């Protein structure tokens, strides 16, 4: 159970990081 929780946390952090990169890219596309 703990292992699953760690994997979930890792996936969540990876997803959030990816979304941040996408938001920055979109920002530069429109305002850069």
C-alpha atoms as a PDB file:
ATOM      1  CA  UNK A   1       0.000   0.000   0.000  1.00  0.00           C
ATOM      2  CA  UNK A   2       2.791   2.421   0.905  1.00  0.00           C
ATOM      3  CA  UNK A   3       4.564   1.630  -2.376  1.00  0.00           C
ATOM      4  CA  UNK A   4       1.423   2.462  -4.325  1.00  0.00           C
ATOM      5  CA  UNK A   5       1.112   5.754  -2.456  1.00  0.00           C
ATOM      6  CA  UNK A   6       4.723   6.668  -3.335  1.00  0.00           C
ATOM      7  CA  UNK A   7       4.139   5.828  -7.002  1.00  0.00           C
ATOM      8  CA  UNK A   8       0.974   7.935  -6.980  1.00  0.00           C
ATOM      9  CA  UNK A   9       2.809  10.888  -5.438  1.00  0.00           C
ATOM     10  CA  UNK A  10       5.586  10.583  -8.052  1.00  0.00           C
ATOM     11  CA  UNK A  11       3.043  10.443 -10.895  1.00  0.00           C
ATOM     12  CA  UNK A  12       1.202  13.443  -9.473  1.00  0.00           C
ATOM     13  CA  UNK A  13       4.399  15.507  -9.183  1.00  0.00           C
ATOM     14  CA  UNK A  14       5.448  14.526 -12.729  1.00  0.00           C
ATOM     15  CA  UNK A  15       2.009  15.515 -14.041  1.00  0.00           C
ATOM     16  CA  UNK A  16       2.078  18.856 -12.225  1.00  0.00           C
ATOM     17  CA  UNK A  17       5.579  19.570 -13.510  1.00  0.00           C
ATOM     18  CA  UNK A  18       4.509  18.748 -17.076  1.00  0.00           C
ATOM     19  CA  UNK A  19       1.460  20.979 -16.793  1.00  0.00           C
ATOM     20  CA  UNK A  20       3.650  23.834 -15.536  1.00  0.00           C
ATOM     21  CA  UNK A  21       5.957  23.455 -18.548  1.00  0.00           C
ATOM     22  CA  UNK A  22       2.955  23.502 -20.883  1.00  0.00           C
ATOM     23  CA  UNK A  23       1.571  26.630 -19.220  1.00  0.00           C
ATOM     24  CA  UNK A  24       4.927  28.403 -19.590  1.00  0.00           C
ATOM     25  CA  UNK A  25       5.138  27.377 -23.251  1.00  0.00           C
ATOM     26  CA  UNK A  26       1.613  28.668 -23.929  1.00  0.00           C
ATOM     27  CA  UNK A  27       2.418  31.898 -22.096  1.00  0.00           C
ATOM     28  CA  UNK A  28       5.484  32.522 -24.251  1.00  0.00           C
ATOM     29  CA  UNK A  29       3.529  31.596 -27.378  1.00  0.00           C
ATOM     30  CA  UNK A  30       0.923  34.290 -26.707  1.00  0.00           C
ATOM     31  CA  UNK A  31       2.907  36.944 -24.837  1.00  0.00           C
ATOM     32  CA  UNK A  32       6.491  36.279 -25.940  1.00  0.00           C
END
